Protein backbone atom coordinates (compact mmCIF):
# COMPACT_ATOMS: atom_id res chain seq x y z
CA UNK A 1 93.41 89.42 110.69
CA UNK A 2 95.40 86.00 111.00
CA UNK A 3 92.61 83.53 112.04
CA UNK A 4 89.28 84.85 110.05
CA UNK A 5 89.64 88.13 107.76
CA UNK A 6 86.39 86.69 106.49
CA UNK A 7 84.67 87.67 110.21
CA UNK A 8 86.27 91.27 110.52
CA UNK A 9 85.39 92.45 106.87
CA UNK A 10 82.11 90.68 106.95
CA UNK A 11 81.44 92.55 110.70
CA UNK A 12 79.68 96.05 111.35
CA UNK A 13 79.30 97.89 114.37
CA UNK A 14 76.15 99.64 115.50
CA UNK A 15 77.49 103.01 114.02
CA UNK A 16 77.74 101.70 110.98
CA UNK A 17 81.48 100.96 110.30
CA UNK A 18 82.98 97.57 109.68
CA UNK A 19 85.74 95.82 111.11
CA UNK A 20 88.43 96.90 108.15
CA UNK A 21 87.68 100.21 108.98
CA UNK A 22 88.30 99.40 112.64
CA UNK A 23 91.45 97.95 111.71
CA UNK A 24 92.03 100.92 109.33
CA UNK A 25 91.33 103.70 112.56
CA UNK A 26 94.13 101.39 114.63
CA UNK A 27 96.46 101.99 111.83
CA UNK A 28 95.95 105.43 111.13
CA UNK A 29 96.87 106.13 115.44
CA UNK A 30 99.47 103.74 115.68
CA UNK A 31 100.81 106.02 112.45
CA UNK A 32 100.33 109.28 113.83
CA UNK A 33 101.52 107.95 117.40
CA UNK A 34 105.04 109.80 118.30
CA UNK A 35 105.80 106.90 120.61
CA UNK A 36 107.20 104.82 117.59
CA UNK A 37 106.95 101.78 119.75
CA UNK A 38 103.77 101.25 120.17
CA UNK A 39 103.86 101.37 116.31
CA UNK A 40 106.70 98.36 115.62
CA UNK A 41 104.24 96.16 114.90
CA UNK A 42 102.51 97.83 112.09
CA UNK A 43 103.96 95.93 109.20
CA UNK A 44 103.27 92.58 110.27
CA UNK A 45 99.67 93.96 110.47
CA UNK A 46 99.57 96.21 106.92
CA UNK A 47 100.96 92.50 105.75
CA UNK A 48 98.16 90.91 106.74
CA UNK A 49 95.99 92.66 105.65
CA UNK A 50 97.40 92.92 102.18
CA UNK A 51 97.89 89.09 102.20
CA UNK A 52 94.03 88.32 104.06
CA UNK A 53 92.29 90.96 102.84
CA UNK A 54 92.72 90.96 99.67
CA UNK A 55 91.02 93.24 96.70
CA UNK A 56 88.66 94.70 100.21
CA UNK A 57 91.33 96.98 100.33
CA UNK A 58 91.60 99.04 96.87
CA UNK A 59 89.57 101.14 97.39
CA UNK A 60 91.99 102.20 100.46
CA UNK A 61 95.08 101.25 99.30
CA UNK A 62 96.25 104.73 98.01
CA UNK A 63 95.08 106.68 102.06
CA UNK A 64 97.32 104.13 103.15
CA UNK A 65 99.82 104.04 101.34
CA UNK A 66 100.18 107.76 101.24
CA UNK A 67 99.60 107.90 105.39
CA UNK A 68 102.84 105.27 105.47
CA UNK A 69 104.90 107.54 103.03
CA UNK A 70 103.72 110.67 105.26
CA UNK A 71 105.07 109.01 107.83
CA UNK A 72 108.24 107.32 107.05
CA UNK A 73 109.30 111.16 106.60
CA UNK A 74 109.50 111.44 110.32
CA UNK A 75 110.18 108.03 111.78
CA UNK A 76 113.51 108.50 113.65
CA UNK A 77 114.66 104.90 114.67
CA UNK A 78 115.68 102.17 112.70
CA UNK A 79 113.23 99.10 113.31
CA UNK A 80 109.70 101.23 113.23
CA UNK A 81 110.98 102.43 109.31
CA UNK A 82 111.38 98.44 108.37
CA UNK A 83 107.95 99.02 109.26
CA UNK A 84 107.00 100.97 107.48
CA UNK A 85 109.01 99.67 104.47
CA UNK A 86 108.58 95.96 104.93
CA UNK A 87 104.59 96.03 102.81
CA UNK A 88 105.80 98.08 100.45
CA UNK A 89 108.30 96.03 99.51
CA UNK A 90 105.63 92.46 100.15
CA UNK A 91 103.60 95.24 97.51
CA UNK A 92 106.65 95.58 94.90
CA UNK A 93 107.97 91.87 95.33
CA UNK A 94 103.64 90.54 94.55
CA UNK A 95 102.13 93.12 92.27
CA UNK A 96 105.39 95.25 91.04
CA UNK A 97 103.44 97.67 88.34
CA UNK A 98 100.37 97.86 90.91
CA UNK A 99 102.54 99.31 93.39
CA UNK A 100 105.09 101.16 91.37
CA UNK A 101 101.87 103.30 89.94
CA UNK A 102 100.12 103.93 93.28
CA UNK A 103 103.96 105.36 94.38
CA UNK A 104 104.45 107.15 91.50
CA UNK A 105 101.18 108.90 91.43
CA UNK A 106 101.30 109.42 95.18
CA UNK A 107 102.98 113.10 96.15
CA UNK A 108 104.41 113.94 99.61
CA UNK A 109 105.57 116.81 101.03
CA UNK A 110 104.38 119.89 102.05
CA UNK A 111 103.93 121.41 99.16
CA UNK A 112 103.46 117.61 96.88
CA UNK A 113 107.11 118.25 95.83
CA UNK A 114 108.53 114.45 96.38
CA UNK A 115 106.86 111.33 94.51
CA UNK A 116 106.32 108.48 97.35
CA UNK A 117 108.51 106.68 94.87
CA UNK A 118 111.59 108.50 95.51
CA UNK A 119 110.95 108.82 99.69
CA UNK A 120 110.54 105.09 99.59
CA UNK A 121 113.78 104.52 97.72
CA UNK A 122 115.70 106.51 99.80
CA UNK A 123 114.24 105.78 102.95
CA UNK A 124 114.33 101.51 102.04
CA UNK A 125 118.08 102.26 100.36
CA UNK A 126 119.33 103.81 103.48
CA UNK A 127 118.20 101.19 106.28
CA UNK A 128 117.28 98.09 104.21
CA UNK A 129 120.68 97.04 104.81
CA UNK A 130 119.83 96.91 108.70
CA UNK A 131 116.86 94.96 108.44
CA UNK A 132 116.08 92.17 111.02
CA UNK A 133 114.44 89.03 110.94
CA UNK A 134 114.65 86.56 107.52
CA UNK A 135 111.66 87.25 106.16
CA UNK A 136 111.89 90.95 106.11
CA UNK A 137 115.63 90.54 104.88
CA UNK A 138 114.14 88.35 102.68
CA UNK A 139 111.40 90.28 100.84
CA UNK A 140 113.59 93.61 100.86
CA UNK A 141 115.92 91.88 98.64
CA UNK A 142 113.77 89.85 96.46
CA UNK A 143 111.92 93.55 95.98
CA UNK A 144 114.92 95.73 95.34
CA UNK A 145 116.04 92.89 93.15
CA UNK A 146 112.25 93.05 90.87
CA UNK A 147 112.78 96.67 90.65
CA UNK A 148 115.72 96.33 89.42
CA UNK A 149 114.53 94.78 86.16
CA UNK A 150 110.79 96.88 86.22
CA UNK A 151 112.57 98.99 83.67
CA UNK A 152 110.58 102.26 83.97
CA UNK A 153 111.56 105.33 83.56
CA UNK A 154 110.82 107.12 86.91
CA UNK A 155 113.72 104.77 88.48
CA UNK A 156 115.65 106.42 86.68
CA UNK A 157 115.69 109.10 87.82
CA UNK A 158 116.01 108.44 91.04
CA UNK A 159 119.13 108.86 93.11
CA UNK A 160 119.20 107.41 96.93
CA UNK A 161 122.54 107.68 98.62
CA UNK A 162 125.64 105.45 98.26
CA UNK A 163 128.69 104.99 95.84
CA UNK A 164 128.95 103.28 93.28
CA UNK A 165 132.75 101.15 93.76
CA UNK A 166 134.29 100.08 90.90
CA UNK A 167 137.07 97.98 91.06
CA UNK A 168 139.44 97.14 87.98
CA UNK A 169 138.58 93.81 87.35
CA UNK A 170 134.86 96.01 86.55
CA UNK A 171 136.56 99.45 85.43
CA UNK A 172 134.80 98.72 82.39
CA UNK A 173 131.23 99.33 82.71
CA UNK A 174 132.36 102.16 84.88
CA UNK A 175 131.27 104.30 81.84
CA UNK A 176 127.91 103.26 82.16
CA UNK A 177 127.49 104.88 85.83
CA UNK A 178 128.04 108.69 85.47
CA UNK A 179 128.70 109.28 88.80
CA UNK A 180 130.68 106.56 89.86
CA UNK A 181 134.25 106.70 91.29
CA UNK A 182 137.07 104.46 91.17
CA UNK A 183 138.12 102.95 94.40
CA UNK A 184 142.06 103.83 94.05
CA UNK A 185 140.82 107.20 94.12
């Protein structure tokens, strides 16, 4: 993937499957495996796929993102969650509107009750402070800032864990946060 993605994309197995299909098969196996230690590299693989394969990934992108979101709901370790969240951060930072369109249109859960955006933001906000490594931390922070600037109505309806802390210096702006609580309360 890193050295010659062109050769990987043009390669076809005797059974007719392309190199991209084989890479996606490996990703699918890592996502389905309950042993999360094998999936720790999945984020790097997906990011290299996004960076190098470019538009070749577009036909399979919705299914790939859905599989990642479904697995995100059952992930148990923070490092595995980081491996699933960072590719989304990369997409949000580089292609915010397209990524948000996909996340808003993706439904996750047995009953299809949660949007992909809701699943992602809850996992992301709960785990962002424990991301390891300079680049994952940086891309996560940049992507979250990009989301704050996006001004999409769907972002206004998502509720994540945490409290807005109001201090004496910021108390005048507290009225804009209906569920905030004061530090001195």
